[in-house]
């Protein structure tokens, strides 16, 4: 079963059912994903594996706590590959992660549009 890009039920629970703050949080999440993704790409280009691990860990935590399931799972998988020092697999993992970040951005745009229309 494929993981969802965005599980809004996590955010609804965080906001105790009051969804008014969700669009603002999602915009923050989107900006943070952009920043960390750029950092991750750069650290991998330099083969800075500890730096890549740090970026992955930060992205995983933020995504897991905000319902960004697919990206969080791919971060965990990529972290495991780095821990096992299987660096040749990193480019494929990074490509999968970049695609997932793109799907997440689309899901966030859609969710924000839906939330603004519901107001």
PDB file of N, CA and C in Angstrom:
ATOM      1  N   UNK A   1       0.829  -1.178   0.000  1.00  0.00           N
ATOM      2  CA  UNK A   1       0.000   0.000   0.000  1.00  0.00           C
ATOM      3  C   UNK A   1       0.882   1.253   0.000  1.00  0.00           C
ATOM      4  N   UNK A   2       0.580   2.168  -0.872  1.00  0.00           N
ATOM      5  CA  UNK A   2       1.363   3.395  -1.003  1.00  0.00           C
ATOM      6  C   UNK A   2       0.964   4.385   0.092  1.00  0.00           C
ATOM      7  N   UNK A   3       1.947   5.040   0.670  1.00  0.00           N
ATOM      8  CA  UNK A   3       1.695   6.009   1.733  1.00  0.00           C
ATOM      9  C   UNK A   3       1.084   7.278   1.154  1.00  0.00           C
ATOM     10  N   UNK A   4       0.229   7.907   1.944  1.00  0.00           N
ATOM     11  CA  UNK A   4      -0.369   9.178   1.552  1.00  0.00           C
ATOM     12  C   UNK A   4       0.683  10.280   1.639  1.00  0.00           C
ATOM     13  N   UNK A   5       0.574  11.236   0.736  1.00  0.00           N
ATOM     14  CA  UNK A   5       1.464  12.389   0.820  1.00  0.00           C
ATOM     15  C   UNK A   5       1.150  13.221   2.050  1.00  0.00           C
ATOM     16  N   UNK A   6      -0.147  13.403   2.339  1.00  0.00           N
ATOM     17  CA  UNK A   6      -0.559  14.256   3.440  1.00  0.00           C
ATOM     18  C   UNK A   6      -1.784  13.674   4.114  1.00  0.00           C
ATOM     19  N   UNK A   7      -1.670  13.418   5.397  1.00  0.00           N
ATOM     20  CA  UNK A   7      -2.786  12.914   6.191  1.00  0.00           C
ATOM     21  C   UNK A   7      -3.313  14.067   7.043  1.00  0.00           C
ATOM     22  N   UNK A   8      -4.343  14.723   6.549  1.00  0.00           N
ATOM     23  CA  UNK A   8      -4.879  15.898   7.238  1.00  0.00           C
ATOM     24  C   UNK A   8      -5.467  15.573   8.601  1.00  0.00           C
ATOM     25  N   UNK A   9      -5.826  14.325   8.833  1.00  0.00           N
ATOM     26  CA  UNK A   9      -6.401  13.972  10.142  1.00  0.00           C
ATOM     27  C   UNK A   9      -5.402  14.237  11.269  1.00  0.00           C
ATOM     28  N   UNK A  10      -4.111  14.130  10.973  1.00  0.00           N
ATOM     29  CA  UNK A  10      -3.080  14.432  11.980  1.00  0.00           C
ATOM     30  C   UNK A  10      -3.167  15.903  12.376  1.00  0.00           C
ATOM     31  N   UNK A  11      -3.331  16.770  11.387  1.00  0.00           N
ATOM     32  CA  UNK A  11      -3.408  18.202  11.665  1.00  0.00           C
ATOM     33  C   UNK A  11      -4.713  18.580  12.345  1.00  0.00           C
ATOM     34  N   UNK A  12      -5.798  17.953  11.946  1.00  0.00           N
ATOM     35  CA  UNK A  12      -7.084  18.208  12.599  1.00  0.00           C
ATOM     36  C   UNK A  12      -6.986  17.845  14.079  1.00  0.00           C
ATOM     37  N   UNK A  13      -6.288  16.755  14.371  1.00  0.00           N
ATOM     38  CA  UNK A  13      -6.100  16.342  15.767  1.00  0.00           C
ATOM     39  C   UNK A  13      -5.229  17.356  16.516  1.00  0.00           C
ATOM     40  N   UNK A  14      -4.166  17.840  15.886  1.00  0.00           N
ATOM     41  CA  UNK A  14      -3.293  18.831  16.517  1.00  0.00           C
ATOM     42  C   UNK A  14      -4.091  20.081  16.886  1.00  0.00           C
ATOM     43  N   UNK A  15      -4.989  20.490  16.003  1.00  0.00           N
ATOM     44  CA  UNK A  15      -5.780  21.698  16.217  1.00  0.00           C
ATOM     45  C   UNK A  15      -7.110  21.417  16.926  1.00  0.00           C
ATOM     46  N   UNK A  16      -7.237  20.229  17.476  1.00  0.00           N
ATOM     47  CA  UNK A  16      -8.458  19.845  18.215  1.00  0.00           C
ATOM     48  C   UNK A  16      -9.727  20.108  17.415  1.00  0.00           C
ATOM     49  N   UNK A  17      -9.703  19.783  16.138  1.00  0.00           N
ATOM     50  CA  UNK A  17     -10.878  19.901  15.293  1.00  0.00           C
ATOM     51  C   UNK A  17     -11.118  21.286  14.722  1.00  0.00           C
ATOM     52  N   UNK A  18     -10.393  22.290  15.169  1.00  0.00           N
ATOM     53  CA  UNK A  18     -10.529  23.646  14.637  1.00  0.00           C
ATOM     54  C   UNK A  18      -9.515  23.803  13.509  1.00  0.00           C
ATOM     55  N   UNK A  19      -9.983  23.718  12.304  1.00  0.00           N
ATOM     56  CA  UNK A  19      -9.072  23.662  11.154  1.00  0.00           C
ATOM     57  C   UNK A  19      -8.615  25.036  10.670  1.00  0.00           C
ATOM     58  N   UNK A  20      -8.961  26.113  11.369  1.00  0.00           N
ATOM     59  CA  UNK A  20      -8.616  27.452  10.911  1.00  0.00           C
ATOM     60  C   UNK A  20      -7.104  27.664  10.785  1.00  0.00           C
ATOM     61  N   UNK A  21      -6.313  27.035  11.638  1.00  0.00           N
ATOM     62  CA  UNK A  21      -4.865  27.232  11.605  1.00  0.00           C
ATOM     63  C   UNK A  21      -4.124  26.314  10.652  1.00  0.00           C
ATOM     64  N   UNK A  22      -4.819  25.364  10.070  1.00  0.00           N
ATOM     65  CA  UNK A  22      -4.161  24.376   9.213  1.00  0.00           C
ATOM     66  C   UNK A  22      -3.472  25.001   7.996  1.00  0.00           C
ATOM     67  N   UNK A  23      -4.129  25.908   7.263  1.00  0.00           N
ATOM     68  CA  UNK A  23      -3.435  26.473   6.091  1.00  0.00           C
ATOM     69  C   UNK A  23      -2.117  27.169   6.449  1.00  0.00           C
ATOM     70  N   UNK A  24      -2.114  27.911   7.542  1.00  0.00           N
ATOM     71  CA  UNK A  24      -0.874  28.594   7.944  1.00  0.00           C
ATOM     72  C   UNK A  24       0.212  27.588   8.297  1.00  0.00           C
ATOM     73  N   UNK A  25      -0.156  26.549   9.022  1.00  0.00           N
ATOM     74  CA  UNK A  25       0.821  25.511   9.370  1.00  0.00           C
ATOM     75  C   UNK A  25       1.342  24.826   8.118  1.00  0.00           C
ATOM     76  N   UNK A  26       0.455  24.516   7.180  1.00  0.00           N
ATOM     77  CA  UNK A  26       0.873  23.851   5.946  1.00  0.00           C
ATOM     78  C   UNK A  26       1.803  24.727   5.118  1.00  0.00           C
ATOM     79  N   UNK A  27       1.575  26.019   5.118  1.00  0.00           N
ATOM     80  CA  UNK A  27       2.485  26.915   4.400  1.00  0.00           C
ATOM     81  C   UNK A  27       3.863  26.889   5.055  1.00  0.00           C
ATOM     82  N   UNK A  28       3.902  26.858   6.384  1.00  0.00           N
ATOM     83  CA  UNK A  28       5.181  26.739   7.099  1.00  0.00           C
ATOM     84  C   UNK A  28       5.861  25.411   6.777  1.00  0.00           C
ATOM     85  N   UNK A  29       5.078  24.334   6.760  1.00  0.00           N
ATOM     86  CA  UNK A  29       5.620  23.013   6.437  1.00  0.00           C
ATOM     87  C   UNK A  29       6.207  23.019   5.039  1.00  0.00           C
ATOM     88  N   UNK A  30       5.498  23.597   4.088  1.00  0.00           N
ATOM     89  CA  UNK A  30       5.965  23.634   2.706  1.00  0.00           C
ATOM     90  C   UNK A  30       7.296  24.382   2.595  1.00  0.00           C
ATOM     91  N   UNK A  31       7.404  25.510   3.261  1.00  0.00           N
ATOM     92  CA  UNK A  31       8.650  26.279   3.232  1.00  0.00           C
ATOM     93  C   UNK A  31       9.795  25.512   3.892  1.00  0.00           C
ATOM     94  N   UNK A  32       9.488  24.821   4.975  1.00  0.00           N
ATOM     95  CA  UNK A  32      10.519  24.043   5.664  1.00  0.00           C
ATOM     96  C   UNK A  32      10.966  22.867   4.808  1.00  0.00           C
ATOM     97  N   UNK A  33      10.026  22.201   4.145  1.00  0.00           N
ATOM     98  CA  UNK A  33      10.374  21.106   3.234  1.00  0.00           C
ATOM     99  C   UNK A  33      11.295  21.628   2.137  1.00  0.00           C
ATOM    100  N   UNK A  34      10.972  22.785   1.565  1.00  0.00           N
ATOM    101  CA  UNK A  34      11.815  23.365   0.516  1.00  0.00           C
ATOM    102  C   UNK A  34      13.237  23.596   1.027  1.00  0.00           C
ATOM    103  N   UNK A  35      13.341  24.188   2.218  1.00  0.00           N
ATOM    104  CA  UNK A  35      14.657  24.518   2.785  1.00  0.00           C
ATOM    105  C   UNK A  35      15.471  23.254   3.064  1.00  0.00           C
ATOM    106  N   UNK A  36      14.842  22.286   3.706  1.00  0.00           N
ATOM    107  CA  UNK A  36      15.583  21.071   4.071  1.00  0.00           C
ATOM    108  C   UNK A  36      15.912  20.248   2.830  1.00  0.00           C
ATOM    109  N   UNK A  37      14.996  20.186   1.875  1.00  0.00           N
ATOM    110  CA  UNK A  37      15.260  19.439   0.641  1.00  0.00           C
ATOM    111  C   UNK A  37      16.474  20.027  -0.076  1.00  0.00           C
ATOM    112  N   UNK A  38      16.550  21.352  -0.160  1.00  0.00           N
ATOM    113  CA  UNK A  38      17.701  22.001  -0.808  1.00  0.00           C
ATOM    114  C   UNK A  38      18.991  21.686  -0.057  1.00  0.00           C
ATOM    115  N   UNK A  39      18.927  21.715   1.261  1.00  0.00           N
ATOM    116  CA  UNK A  39      20.099  21.386   2.079  1.00  0.00           C
ATOM    117  C   UNK A  39      20.526  19.938   1.866  1.00  0.00           C
ATOM    118  N   UNK A  40      19.552  19.050   1.804  1.00  0.00           N
ATOM    119  CA  UNK A  40      19.840  17.627   1.605  1.00  0.00           C
ATOM    120  C   UNK A  40      20.501  17.388   0.257  1.00  0.00           C
ATOM    121  N   UNK A  41      19.995  18.009  -0.768  1.00  0.00           N
ATOM    122  CA  UNK A  41      20.579  17.853  -2.105  1.00  0.00           C
ATOM    123  C   UNK A  41      22.033  18.326  -2.096  1.00  0.00           C
ATOM    124  N   UNK A  42      22.268  19.468  -1.481  1.00  0.00           N
ATOM    125  CA  UNK A  42      23.622  20.021  -1.424  1.00  0.00           C
ATOM    126  C   UNK A  42      24.570  19.122  -0.628  1.00  0.00           C
ATOM    127  N   UNK A  43      24.124  18.640   0.520  1.00  0.00           N
ATOM    128  CA  UNK A  43      25.004  17.784   1.322  1.00  0.00           C
ATOM    129  C   UNK A  43      25.314  16.477   0.600  1.00  0.00           C
ATOM    130  N   UNK A  44      24.343  15.943  -0.118  1.00  0.00           N
ATOM    131  CA  UNK A  44      24.596  14.704  -0.866  1.00  0.00           C
ATOM    132  C   UNK A  44      25.563  14.942  -2.024  1.00  0.00           C
ATOM    133  N   UNK A  45      25.441  16.084  -2.688  1.00  0.00           N
ATOM    134  CA  UNK A  45      26.389  16.403  -3.771  1.00  0.00           C
ATOM    135  C   UNK A  45      27.816  16.442  -3.241  1.00  0.00           C
ATOM    136  N   UNK A  46      27.980  16.965  -2.032  1.00  0.00           N
ATOM    137  CA  UNK A  46      29.314  17.055  -1.424  1.00  0.00           C
ATOM    138  C   UNK A  46      29.711  15.749  -0.729  1.00  0.00           C
ATOM    139  N   UNK A  47      28.829  14.784  -0.752  1.00  0.00           N
ATOM    140  CA  UNK A  47      29.031  13.509  -0.049  1.00  0.00           C
ATOM    141  C   UNK A  47      29.296  13.744   1.442  1.00  0.00           C
ATOM    142  N   UNK A  48      28.595  14.732   1.975  1.00  0.00           N
ATOM    143  CA  UNK A  48      28.631  15.038   3.404  1.00  0.00           C
ATOM    144  C   UNK A  48      27.548  14.181   4.056  1.00  0.00           C
ATOM    145  N   UNK A  49      27.891  12.925   4.307  1.00  0.00           N
ATOM    146  CA  UNK A  49      26.895  11.973   4.798  1.00  0.00           C
ATOM    147  C   UNK A  49      26.375  12.313   6.193  1.00  0.00           C
ATOM    148  N   UNK A  50      27.209  12.793   7.117  1.00  0.00           N
ATOM    149  CA  UNK A  50      26.644  13.222   8.406  1.00  0.00           C
ATOM    150  C   UNK A  50      25.672  14.398   8.241  1.00  0.00           C
ATOM    151  N   UNK A  51      26.002  15.329   7.371  1.00  0.00           N
ATOM    152  CA  UNK A  51      25.109  16.455   7.102  1.00  0.00           C
ATOM    153  C   UNK A  51      23.812  15.996   6.453  1.00  0.00           C
ATOM    154  N   UNK A  52      23.920  15.041   5.537  1.00  0.00           N
ATOM    155  CA  UNK A  52      22.727  14.492   4.898  1.00  0.00           C
ATOM    156  C   UNK A  52      21.857  13.779   5.927  1.00  0.00           C
ATOM    157  N   UNK A  53      22.493  13.044   6.813  1.00  0.00           N
ATOM    158  CA  UNK A  53      21.744  12.351   7.866  1.00  0.00           C
ATOM    159  C   UNK A  53      21.014  13.325   8.769  1.00  0.00           C
ATOM    160  N   UNK A  54      21.663  14.423   9.095  1.00  0.00           N
ATOM    161  CA  UNK A  54      21.042  15.452   9.940  1.00  0.00           C
ATOM    162  C   UNK A  54      19.828  16.055   9.227  1.00  0.00           C
ATOM    163  N   UNK A  55      19.982  16.387   7.939  1.00  0.00           N
ATOM    164  CA  UNK A  55      18.872  16.961   7.172  1.00  0.00           C
ATOM    165  C   UNK A  55      17.722  15.965   7.062  1.00  0.00           C
ATOM    166  N   UNK A  56      18.054  14.708   6.806  1.00  0.00           N
ATOM    167  CA  UNK A  56      17.015  13.674   6.718  1.00  0.00           C
ATOM    168  C   UNK A  56      16.266  13.532   8.041  1.00  0.00           C
ATOM    169  N   UNK A  57      17.010  13.548   9.125  1.00  0.00           N
ATOM    170  CA  UNK A  57      16.393  13.385  10.442  1.00  0.00           C
ATOM    171  C   UNK A  57      15.448  14.558  10.744  1.00  0.00           C
ATOM    172  N   UNK A  58      15.883  15.759  10.423  1.00  0.00           N
ATOM    173  CA  UNK A  58      15.046  16.941  10.643  1.00  0.00           C
ATOM    174  C   UNK A  58      13.787  16.878   9.778  1.00  0.00           C
ATOM    175  N   UNK A  59      13.939  16.528   8.508  1.00  0.00           N
ATOM    176  CA  UNK A  59      12.799  16.435   7.604  1.00  0.00           C
ATOM    177  C   UNK A  59      11.841  15.335   8.045  1.00  0.00           C
ATOM    178  N   UNK A  60      12.385  14.202   8.445  1.00  0.00           N
ATOM    179  CA  UNK A  60      11.561  13.082   8.896  1.00  0.00           C
ATOM    180  C   UNK A  60      10.720  13.480  10.105  1.00  0.00           C
ATOM    181  N   UNK A  61      11.345  14.111  11.076  1.00  0.00           N
ATOM    182  CA  UNK A  61      10.625  14.496  12.290  1.00  0.00           C
ATOM    183  C   UNK A  61       9.521  15.494  12.014  1.00  0.00           C
ATOM    184  N   UNK A  62       9.833  16.510  11.243  1.00  0.00           N
ATOM    185  CA  UNK A  62       8.828  17.519  10.920  1.00  0.00           C
ATOM    186  C   UNK A  62       7.682  16.908  10.136  1.00  0.00           C
ATOM    187  N   UNK A  63       8.005  16.067   9.169  1.00  0.00           N
ATOM    188  CA  UNK A  63       6.961  15.450   8.347  1.00  0.00           C
ATOM    189  C   UNK A  63       6.119  14.457   9.142  1.00  0.00           C
ATOM    190  N   UNK A  64       6.755  13.664   9.964  1.00  0.00           N
ATOM    191  CA  UNK A  64       6.009  12.680  10.750  1.00  0.00           C
ATOM    192  C   UNK A  64       5.030  13.367  11.696  1.00  0.00           C
ATOM    193  N   UNK A  65       5.441  14.498  12.268  1.00  0.00           N
ATOM    194  CA  UNK A  65       4.576  15.167  13.232  1.00  0.00           C
ATOM    195  C   UNK A  65       3.494  16.015  12.582  1.00  0.00           C
ATOM    196  N   UNK A  66       3.569  16.210  11.270  1.00  0.00           N
ATOM    197  CA  UNK A  66       2.563  17.034  10.606  1.00  0.00           C
ATOM    198  C   UNK A  66       1.781  16.282   9.526  1.00  0.00           C
ATOM    199  N   UNK A  67       1.820  14.961   9.556  1.00  0.00           N
ATOM    200  CA  UNK A  67       0.992  14.164   8.658  1.00  0.00           C
ATOM    201  C   UNK A  67       1.531  13.978   7.254  1.00  0.00           C
ATOM    202  N   UNK A  68       2.795  14.273   7.045  1.00  0.00           N
ATOM    203  CA  UNK A  68       3.415  14.109   5.716  1.00  0.00           C
ATOM    204  C   UNK A  68       4.041  12.720   5.656  1.00  0.00           C
ATOM    205  N   UNK A  69       3.198  11.735   5.543  1.00  0.00           N
ATOM    206  CA  UNK A  69       3.552  10.333   5.759  1.00  0.00           C
ATOM    207  C   UNK A  69       4.588   9.805   4.775  1.00  0.00           C
ATOM    208  N   UNK A  70       4.362  10.003   3.504  1.00  0.00           N
ATOM    209  CA  UNK A  70       5.244   9.433   2.488  1.00  0.00           C
ATOM    210  C   UNK A  70       6.669   9.966   2.622  1.00  0.00           C
ATOM    211  N   UNK A  71       6.809  11.278   2.787  1.00  0.00           N
ATOM    212  CA  UNK A  71       8.145  11.869   2.905  1.00  0.00           C
ATOM    213  C   UNK A  71       8.825  11.358   4.171  1.00  0.00           C
ATOM    214  N   UNK A  72       8.091  11.280   5.266  1.00  0.00           N
ATOM    215  CA  UNK A  72       8.668  10.777   6.522  1.00  0.00           C
ATOM    216  C   UNK A  72       9.183   9.349   6.353  1.00  0.00           C
ATOM    217  N   UNK A  73       8.410   8.502   5.675  1.00  0.00           N
ATOM    218  CA  UNK A  73       8.836   7.109   5.465  1.00  0.00           C
ATOM    219  C   UNK A  73      10.072   7.027   4.581  1.00  0.00           C
ATOM    220  N   UNK A  74      10.117   7.820   3.530  1.00  0.00           N
ATOM    221  CA  UNK A  74      11.288   7.801   2.645  1.00  0.00           C
ATOM    222  C   UNK A  74      12.526   8.347   3.354  1.00  0.00           C
ATOM    223  N   UNK A  75      12.337   9.331   4.215  1.00  0.00           N
ATOM    224  CA  UNK A  75      13.465   9.835   5.009  1.00  0.00           C
ATOM    225  C   UNK A  75      14.017   8.727   5.896  1.00  0.00           C
ATOM    226  N   UNK A  76      13.132   7.987   6.539  1.00  0.00           N
ATOM    227  CA  UNK A  76      13.565   6.890   7.417  1.00  0.00           C
ATOM    228  C   UNK A  76      14.320   5.830   6.621  1.00  0.00           C
ATOM    229  N   UNK A  77      13.836   5.501   5.441  1.00  0.00           N
ATOM    230  CA  UNK A  77      14.508   4.505   4.603  1.00  0.00           C
ATOM    231  C   UNK A  77      15.884   5.001   4.171  1.00  0.00           C
ATOM    232  N   UNK A  78      15.966   6.264   3.803  1.00  0.00           N
ATOM    233  CA  UNK A  78      17.239   6.829   3.354  1.00  0.00           C
ATOM    234  C   UNK A  78      18.215   6.942   4.515  1.00  0.00           C
ATOM    235  N   UNK A  79      17.720   7.289   5.696  1.00  0.00           N
ATOM    236  CA  UNK A  79      18.570   7.308   6.890  1.00  0.00           C
ATOM    237  C   UNK A  79      19.177   5.937   7.136  1.00  0.00           C
ATOM    238  N   UNK A  80      18.375   4.892   6.981  1.00  0.00           N
ATOM    239  CA  UNK A  80      18.862   3.524   7.191  1.00  0.00           C
ATOM    240  C   UNK A  80      19.957   3.187   6.176  1.00  0.00           C
ATOM    241  N   UNK A  81      19.799   3.634   4.953  1.00  0.00           N
ATOM    242  CA  UNK A  81      20.809   3.385   3.918  1.00  0.00           C
ATOM    243  C   UNK A  81      22.109   4.115   4.255  1.00  0.00           C
ATOM    244  N   UNK A  82      21.994   5.348   4.742  1.00  0.00           N
ATOM    245  CA  UNK A  82      23.195   6.075   5.156  1.00  0.00           C
ATOM    246  C   UNK A  82      23.867   5.396   6.341  1.00  0.00           C
ATOM    247  N   UNK A  83      23.082   4.967   7.298  1.00  0.00           N
ATOM    248  CA  UNK A  83      23.627   4.294   8.482  1.00  0.00           C
ATOM    249  C   UNK A  83      24.383   3.026   8.085  1.00  0.00           C
ATOM    250  N   UNK A  84      23.853   2.328   7.074  1.00  0.00           N
ATOM    251  CA  UNK A  84      24.493   1.099   6.588  1.00  0.00           C
ATOM    252  C   UNK A  84      25.635   1.392   5.618  1.00  0.00           C
ATOM    253  N   UNK A  85      25.900   2.677   5.380  1.00  0.00           N
ATOM    254  CA  UNK A  85      26.974   3.119   4.483  1.00  0.00           C
ATOM    255  C   UNK A  85      26.831   2.557   3.065  1.00  0.00           C
ATOM    256  N   UNK A  86      25.597   2.476   2.599  1.00  0.00           N
ATOM    257  CA  UNK A  86      25.328   2.025   1.231  1.00  0.00           C
ATOM    258  C   UNK A  86      25.130   3.271   0.352  1.00  0.00           C
ATOM    259  N   UNK A  87      26.180   4.032   0.211  1.00  0.00           N
ATOM    260  CA  UNK A  87      26.123   5.349  -0.416  1.00  0.00           C
ATOM    261  C   UNK A  87      25.754   5.309  -1.892  1.00  0.00           C
ATOM    262  N   UNK A  88      26.006   4.217  -2.561  1.00  0.00           N
ATOM    263  CA  UNK A  88      25.658   4.121  -3.987  1.00  0.00           C
ATOM    264  C   UNK A  88      24.144   4.138  -4.193  1.00  0.00           C
ATOM    265  N   UNK A  89      23.383   3.814  -3.154  1.00  0.00           N
ATOM    266  CA  UNK A  89      21.921   3.824  -3.259  1.00  0.00           C
ATOM    267  C   UNK A  89      21.334   5.213  -2.999  1.00  0.00           C
ATOM    268  N   UNK A  90      22.139   6.119  -2.509  1.00  0.00           N
ATOM    269  CA  UNK A  90      21.648   7.442  -2.130  1.00  0.00           C
ATOM    270  C   UNK A  90      21.029   8.203  -3.307  1.00  0.00           C
ATOM    271  N   UNK A  91      21.634   8.229  -4.498  1.00  0.00           N
ATOM    272  CA  UNK A  91      20.998   8.983  -5.593  1.00  0.00           C
ATOM    273  C   UNK A  91      19.575   8.515  -5.905  1.00  0.00           C
ATOM    274  N   UNK A  92      19.342   7.198  -5.921  1.00  0.00           N
ATOM    275  CA  UNK A  92      17.992   6.695  -6.172  1.00  0.00           C
ATOM    276  C   UNK A  92      17.044   7.091  -5.047  1.00  0.00           C
ATOM    277  N   UNK A  93      17.526   6.999  -3.812  1.00  0.00           N
ATOM    278  CA  UNK A  93      16.705   7.398  -2.664  1.00  0.00           C
ATOM    279  C   UNK A  93      16.376   8.882  -2.730  1.00  0.00           C
ATOM    280  N   UNK A  94      17.363   9.671  -3.083  1.00  0.00           N
ATOM    281  CA  UNK A  94      17.172  11.109  -3.164  1.00  0.00           C
ATOM    282  C   UNK A  94      16.164  11.455  -4.256  1.00  0.00           C
ATOM    283  N   UNK A  95      16.227  10.768  -5.366  1.00  0.00           N
ATOM    284  CA  UNK A  95      15.266  11.006  -6.446  1.00  0.00           C
ATOM    285  C   UNK A  95      13.849  10.650  -5.999  1.00  0.00           C
ATOM    286  N   UNK A  96      13.700   9.535  -5.306  1.00  0.00           N
ATOM    287  CA  UNK A  96      12.382   9.152  -4.774  1.00  0.00           C
ATOM    288  C   UNK A  96      11.883  10.189  -3.784  1.00  0.00           C
ATOM    289  N   UNK A  97      12.770  10.664  -2.952  1.00  0.00           N
ATOM    290  CA  UNK A  97      12.408  11.658  -1.946  1.00  0.00           C
ATOM    291  C   UNK A  97      12.020  12.985  -2.611  1.00  0.00           C
ATOM    292  N   UNK A  98      12.745  13.389  -3.624  1.00  0.00           N
ATOM    293  CA  UNK A  98      12.400  14.633  -4.334  1.00  0.00           C
ATOM    294  C   UNK A  98      11.026  14.515  -4.995  1.00  0.00           C
ATOM    295  N   UNK A  99      10.724  13.369  -5.573  1.00  0.00           N
ATOM    296  CA  UNK A  99       9.405  13.152  -6.177  1.00  0.00           C
ATOM    297  C   UNK A  99       8.313  13.216  -5.108  1.00  0.00           C
ATOM    298  N   UNK A 100       8.584  12.595  -3.965  1.00  0.00           N
ATOM    299  CA  UNK A 100       7.613  12.612  -2.871  1.00  0.00           C
ATOM    300  C   UNK A 100       7.400  14.029  -2.342  1.00  0.00           C
ATOM    301  N   UNK A 101       8.465  14.820  -2.276  1.00  0.00           N
ATOM    302  CA  UNK A 101       8.342  16.216  -1.841  1.00  0.00           C
ATOM    303  C   UNK A 101       7.480  17.000  -2.835  1.00  0.00           C
ATOM    304  N   UNK A 102       7.619  16.695  -4.108  1.00  0.00           N
ATOM    305  CA  UNK A 102       6.774  17.336  -5.121  1.00  0.00           C
ATOM    306  C   UNK A 102       5.308  16.983  -4.934  1.00  0.00           C
ATOM    307  N   UNK A 103       5.036  15.693  -4.672  1.00  0.00           N
ATOM    308  CA  UNK A 103       3.652  15.282  -4.419  1.00  0.00           C
ATOM    309  C   UNK A 103       3.117  15.942  -3.148  1.00  0.00           C
ATOM    310  N   UNK A 104       3.984  16.062  -2.151  1.00  0.00           N
ATOM    311  CA  UNK A 104       3.573  16.704  -0.905  1.00  0.00           C
ATOM    312  C   UNK A 104       3.222  18.169  -1.153  1.00  0.00           C
ATOM    313  N   UNK A 105       4.042  18.865  -1.913  1.00  0.00           N
ATOM    314  CA  UNK A 105       3.743  20.265  -2.215  1.00  0.00           C
ATOM    315  C   UNK A 105       2.392  20.397  -2.917  1.00  0.00           C
ATOM    316  N   UNK A 106       2.116  19.491  -3.844  1.00  0.00           N
ATOM    317  CA  UNK A 106       0.816  19.506  -4.538  1.00  0.00           C
ATOM    318  C   UNK A 106      -0.331  19.254  -3.560  1.00  0.00           C
ATOM    319  N   UNK A 107      -0.143  18.291  -2.666  1.00  0.00           N
ATOM    320  CA  UNK A 107      -1.175  17.974  -1.675  1.00  0.00           C
ATOM    321  C   UNK A 107      -1.406  19.153  -0.732  1.00  0.00           C
ATOM    322  N   UNK A 108      -0.324  19.844  -0.377  1.00  0.00           N
ATOM    323  CA  UNK A 108      -0.449  21.016   0.495  1.00  0.00           C
ATOM    324  C   UNK A 108      -1.210  22.128  -0.217  1.00  0.00           C
ATOM    325  N   UNK A 109      -0.876  22.388  -1.475  1.00  0.00           N
ATOM    326  CA  UNK A 109      -1.601  23.433  -2.236  1.00  0.00           C
ATOM    327  C   UNK A 109      -3.084  23.106  -2.301  1.00  0.00           C
ATOM    328  N   UNK A 110      -3.383  21.844  -2.580  1.00  0.00           N
ATOM    329  CA  UNK A 110      -4.781  21.416  -2.673  1.00  0.00           C
ATOM    330  C   UNK A 110      -5.492  21.559  -1.325  1.00  0.00           C
ATOM    331  N   UNK A 111      -4.834  21.126  -0.261  1.00  0.00           N
ATOM    332  CA  UNK A 111      -5.439  21.213   1.071  1.00  0.00           C
ATOM    333  C   UNK A 111      -5.653  22.661   1.482  1.00  0.00           C
ATOM    334  N   UNK A 112      -4.703  23.530   1.184  1.00  0.00           N
ATOM    335  CA  UNK A 112      -4.842  24.951   1.523  1.00  0.00           C
ATOM    336  C   UNK A 112      -5.999  25.574   0.743  1.00  0.00           C
ATOM    337  N   UNK A 113      -6.099  25.250  -0.538  1.00  0.00           N
ATOM    338  CA  UNK A 113      -7.198  25.779  -1.359  1.00  0.00           C
ATOM    339  C   UNK A 113      -8.527  25.311  -0.786  1.00  0.00           C
ATOM    340  N   UNK A 114      -8.613  24.045  -0.396  1.00  0.00           N
ATOM    341  CA  UNK A 114      -9.858  23.505   0.184  1.00  0.00           C
ATOM    342  C   UNK A 114     -10.173  24.196   1.509  1.00  0.00           C
ATOM    343  N   UNK A 115      -9.160  24.418   2.336  1.00  0.00           N
ATOM    344  CA  UNK A 115      -9.381  25.054   3.639  1.00  0.00           C
ATOM    345  C   UNK A 115      -9.823  26.503   3.474  1.00  0.00           C
ATOM    346  N   UNK A 116      -9.232  27.228   2.527  1.00  0.00           N
ATOM    347  CA  UNK A 116      -9.620  28.626   2.319  1.00  0.00           C
ATOM    348  C   UNK A 116     -11.031  28.717   1.770  1.00  0.00           C
ATOM    349  N   UNK A 117     -11.423  27.761   0.932  1.00  0.00           N
ATOM    350  CA  UNK A 117     -12.799  27.751   0.398  1.00  0.00           C
ATOM    351  C   UNK A 117     -13.801  27.425   1.491  1.00  0.00           C
ATOM    352  N   UNK A 118     -13.378  26.631   2.481  1.00  0.00           N
ATOM    353  CA  UNK A 118     -14.290  26.233   3.560  1.00  0.00           C
ATOM    354  C   UNK A 118     -14.539  27.375   4.548  1.00  0.00           C
ATOM    355  N   UNK A 119     -13.698  28.394   4.534  1.00  0.00           N
ATOM    356  CA  UNK A 119     -13.848  29.517   5.486  1.00  0.00           C
ATOM    357  C   UNK A 119     -15.006  30.402   5.168  1.00  0.00           C
TER     358      UNK A 119
END
